[in-house]
Amino acid sequence: MNQTPGRPDDPREPARRRHAACISLGAVLLLDLLVTIEWSFPRCSAPVDGPLPAVFGAPLPYERWCGALSLVYEFMPHVYVLDVAIFFAAIYPLVRWALRRAPPRFSAALGGVGVALVLFVGLIRAVDVASGEWDPVVSIDAPSYDDHYGDYRPIDITTRRHTTCTPSTYWFPAGAPSR
């Protein structure tokens, strides 16, 4: 029987799948750590009580500066996991396709790098939660201020998380009603 690399009957295929999963998950976690989307909301365009908290997350918002404590971000773990799963589902087929065409040693080496990335970013996030910098919450809305999760709109792709929201004249023109 002729066994060509990348075919289902290739004995190296299960290992390639594992390597592709590790590389994909590591890349997604690292990308989420370094690059994210900033979100705005209606009240940000017309603050009454001073600066309002910034909101981040990609493709869905999951992280919001607490406001009361200067270095604390509230985050929704369930949305964070969903965001990672969405990007993983998008990147995994591409990585698997590329690894089918790569030499087995290269595939294994990249799989090791993927595992190292998962452990590295996992450690960073665990320290964030343990130190209190990331405070797990069920929702990042602020219903007392009439801010709702559905009101968030993407305004920028950013590499730095900051504390105050950026108003959006595109989504929320001055004087327009928020609801």
Protein backbone atom coordinates (compact mmCIF):
# COMPACT_ATOMS: atom_id res chain seq x y z
CA MET A 1 0.00 0.00 0.00
CA ASN A 2 1.31 3.42 -0.97
CA GLN A 3 1.41 5.79 2.02
CA THR A 4 1.71 9.40 1.02
CA PRO A 5 2.24 12.02 3.72
CA GLY A 6 -0.99 13.68 4.82
CA ARG A 7 -3.26 10.81 3.81
CA PRO A 8 -5.60 9.34 6.44
CA ASP A 9 -3.81 5.97 6.30
CA ASP A 10 -0.46 7.62 7.11
CA PRO A 11 0.66 6.40 10.59
CA ARG A 12 2.07 9.86 11.36
CA GLU A 13 -1.33 11.55 10.98
CA PRO A 14 -2.45 11.32 14.67
CA ALA A 15 0.82 12.93 15.77
CA ARG A 16 0.40 15.67 13.16
CA ARG A 17 -3.12 16.37 14.46
CA ARG A 18 -1.78 16.74 18.00
CA HIS A 19 1.04 18.99 16.80
CA ALA A 20 -1.42 21.11 14.81
CA ALA A 21 -3.67 21.45 17.87
CA CYS A 22 -0.77 22.53 20.10
CA ILE A 23 0.56 25.01 17.55
CA SER A 24 -2.91 26.43 16.89
CA LEU A 25 -3.79 26.82 20.57
CA GLY A 26 -0.41 28.34 21.40
CA ALA A 27 -0.66 30.82 18.51
CA VAL A 28 -4.22 31.82 19.44
CA LEU A 29 -3.36 32.35 23.12
CA LEU A 30 -0.25 34.38 22.28
CA LEU A 31 -2.12 36.45 19.69
CA ASP A 32 -4.88 37.18 22.21
CA LEU A 33 -2.27 38.25 24.77
CA LEU A 34 -0.54 40.63 22.36
CA VAL A 35 -3.31 41.96 20.09
CA THR A 36 -6.96 42.64 20.86
CA ILE A 37 -9.95 44.74 19.86
CA GLU A 38 -10.95 47.82 21.82
CA TRP A 39 -14.68 48.38 22.23
CA SER A 40 -16.69 51.54 22.85
CA PHE A 41 -20.20 52.06 24.20
CA PRO A 42 -22.76 54.91 24.19
CA ARG A 43 -21.91 56.41 27.58
CA CYS A 44 -18.24 56.61 26.61
CA SER A 45 -19.07 59.29 24.01
CA ALA A 46 -20.73 61.49 26.63
CA PRO A 47 -19.22 60.74 30.06
CA VAL A 48 -20.91 62.47 32.97
CA ASP A 49 -18.84 61.26 35.92
CA GLY A 50 -15.34 61.44 34.45
CA PRO A 51 -13.36 58.82 32.51
CA LEU A 52 -15.11 55.52 31.86
CA PRO A 53 -13.52 52.05 31.78
CA ALA A 54 -12.01 50.59 28.63
CA VAL A 55 -13.34 47.31 27.21
CA PHE A 56 -11.25 44.75 25.29
CA GLY A 57 -11.52 41.31 23.69
CA ALA A 58 -11.50 39.63 20.31
CA PRO A 59 -13.71 38.62 18.60
CA LEU A 60 -16.11 39.30 21.51
CA PRO A 61 -15.48 41.71 24.40
CA TYR A 62 -14.55 39.90 27.61
CA GLU A 63 -12.32 42.28 29.60
CA ARG A 64 -13.16 45.63 31.22
CA TRP A 65 -11.10 47.87 33.44
CA CYS A 66 -12.69 47.78 36.87
CA GLY A 67 -12.43 51.52 37.41
CA ALA A 68 -12.57 51.34 41.17
CA LEU A 69 -9.18 49.64 41.45
CA SER A 70 -6.54 51.04 39.16
CA LEU A 71 -4.84 47.80 38.07
CA VAL A 72 -7.78 45.39 38.05
CA TYR A 73 -9.60 44.21 34.95
CA GLU A 74 -12.86 42.29 35.23
CA PHE A 75 -13.06 39.46 32.71
CA MET A 76 -15.64 36.91 31.70
CA PRO A 77 -13.89 33.52 31.59
CA HIS A 78 -16.68 31.90 29.57
CA VAL A 79 -16.40 34.52 26.81
CA TYR A 80 -12.59 34.30 26.91
CA VAL A 81 -12.81 30.54 26.31
CA LEU A 82 -15.36 31.12 23.52
CA ASP A 83 -13.05 33.67 21.86
CA VAL A 84 -10.13 31.23 22.01
CA ALA A 85 -12.34 28.45 20.59
CA ILE A 86 -13.50 30.65 17.69
CA PHE A 87 -9.96 31.56 16.68
CA PHE A 88 -8.76 27.98 17.23
CA ALA A 89 -11.49 26.69 14.89
CA ALA A 90 -10.37 29.18 12.27
CA ILE A 91 -6.63 28.54 12.45
CA TYR A 92 -6.47 24.78 13.14
CA PRO A 93 -7.39 23.62 9.59
CA LEU A 94 -4.72 25.90 8.10
CA VAL A 95 -2.03 24.69 10.51
CA ARG A 96 -3.02 21.06 9.94
CA TRP A 97 -2.88 21.56 6.17
CA ALA A 98 0.60 23.13 6.45
CA LEU A 99 1.90 20.35 8.72
CA ARG A 100 0.76 17.68 6.25
CA ARG A 101 3.22 19.15 3.80
CA ALA A 102 6.04 19.64 6.32
CA PRO A 103 8.71 17.07 7.22
CA PRO A 104 7.80 15.05 10.34
CA ARG A 105 10.70 16.44 12.42
CA PHE A 106 9.67 19.99 11.62
CA SER A 107 6.09 19.16 12.61
CA ALA A 108 7.24 17.69 15.93
CA ALA A 109 9.50 20.68 16.67
CA LEU A 110 6.68 23.12 16.01
CA GLY A 111 4.39 21.00 18.18
CA GLY A 112 6.90 21.43 21.01
CA VAL A 113 6.93 25.18 20.45
CA GLY A 114 3.13 25.14 20.55
CA VAL A 115 3.14 23.31 23.90
CA ALA A 116 5.67 25.82 25.27
CA LEU A 117 3.45 28.73 24.13
CA VAL A 118 0.36 27.20 25.74
CA LEU A 119 2.24 26.73 29.02
CA PHE A 120 3.81 30.21 28.88
CA VAL A 121 0.56 32.08 28.19
CA GLY A 122 -1.35 29.83 30.59
CA LEU A 123 1.14 30.73 33.31
CA ILE A 124 0.80 34.45 32.57
CA ARG A 125 -3.00 34.24 32.73
CA ALA A 126 -2.87 32.15 35.93
CA VAL A 127 -0.65 34.79 37.54
CA ASP A 128 -3.08 37.50 36.35
CA VAL A 129 -5.98 35.72 38.09
CA ALA A 130 -3.99 34.76 41.22
CA SER A 131 -2.62 38.28 41.68
CA GLY A 132 -6.07 39.79 41.32
CA GLU A 133 -5.22 41.73 38.15
CA TRP A 134 -7.89 39.69 36.35
CA ASP A 135 -11.09 39.44 38.37
CA PRO A 136 -13.47 36.74 37.02
CA VAL A 137 -17.08 37.99 36.71
CA VAL A 138 -20.26 36.71 35.10
CA SER A 139 -20.78 39.88 33.06
CA ILE A 140 -18.86 43.06 32.30
CA ASP A 141 -21.99 45.22 31.87
CA ALA A 142 -22.59 48.05 34.24
CA PRO A 143 -26.39 47.97 34.61
CA SER A 144 -26.26 50.65 37.29
CA TYR A 145 -25.04 52.98 34.53
CA ASP A 146 -27.32 51.48 31.90
CA ASP A 147 -24.38 49.95 30.00
CA HIS A 148 -25.22 46.61 28.44
CA TYR A 149 -23.07 43.98 26.74
CA GLY A 150 -25.01 44.39 23.49
CA ASP A 151 -24.09 48.09 23.33
CA TYR A 152 -20.36 47.46 22.81
CA ARG A 153 -19.03 48.29 19.35
CA PRO A 154 -15.51 47.60 18.00
CA ILE A 155 -13.44 50.71 17.42
CA ASP A 156 -9.78 49.70 17.18
CA ILE A 157 -7.29 46.85 16.98
CA THR A 158 -4.69 47.50 19.65
CA THR A 159 -1.56 46.04 21.18
CA ARG A 160 -1.88 47.82 24.51
CA ARG A 161 -4.61 47.67 27.07
CA HIS A 162 -5.33 50.93 28.83
CA THR A 163 -7.80 52.11 31.44
CA THR A 164 -10.12 54.68 29.87
CA CYS A 165 -12.51 54.08 27.01
CA THR A 166 -12.11 55.75 23.65
CA PRO A 167 -15.26 57.49 22.40
CA SER A 168 -16.56 56.56 18.97
CA THR A 169 -18.15 59.29 16.87
CA TYR A 170 -18.87 56.69 14.19
CA TRP A 171 -21.01 54.41 16.35
CA PHE A 172 -22.26 57.01 18.81
CA PRO A 173 -22.47 60.51 17.30
CA ALA A 174 -22.66 63.36 19.81
CA GLY A 175 -26.23 64.00 20.91
CA ALA A 176 -27.59 60.71 19.57
CA PRO A 177 -29.73 58.73 21.99
CA SER A 178 -27.95 55.69 23.41
CA ARG A 179 -30.94 53.34 23.16
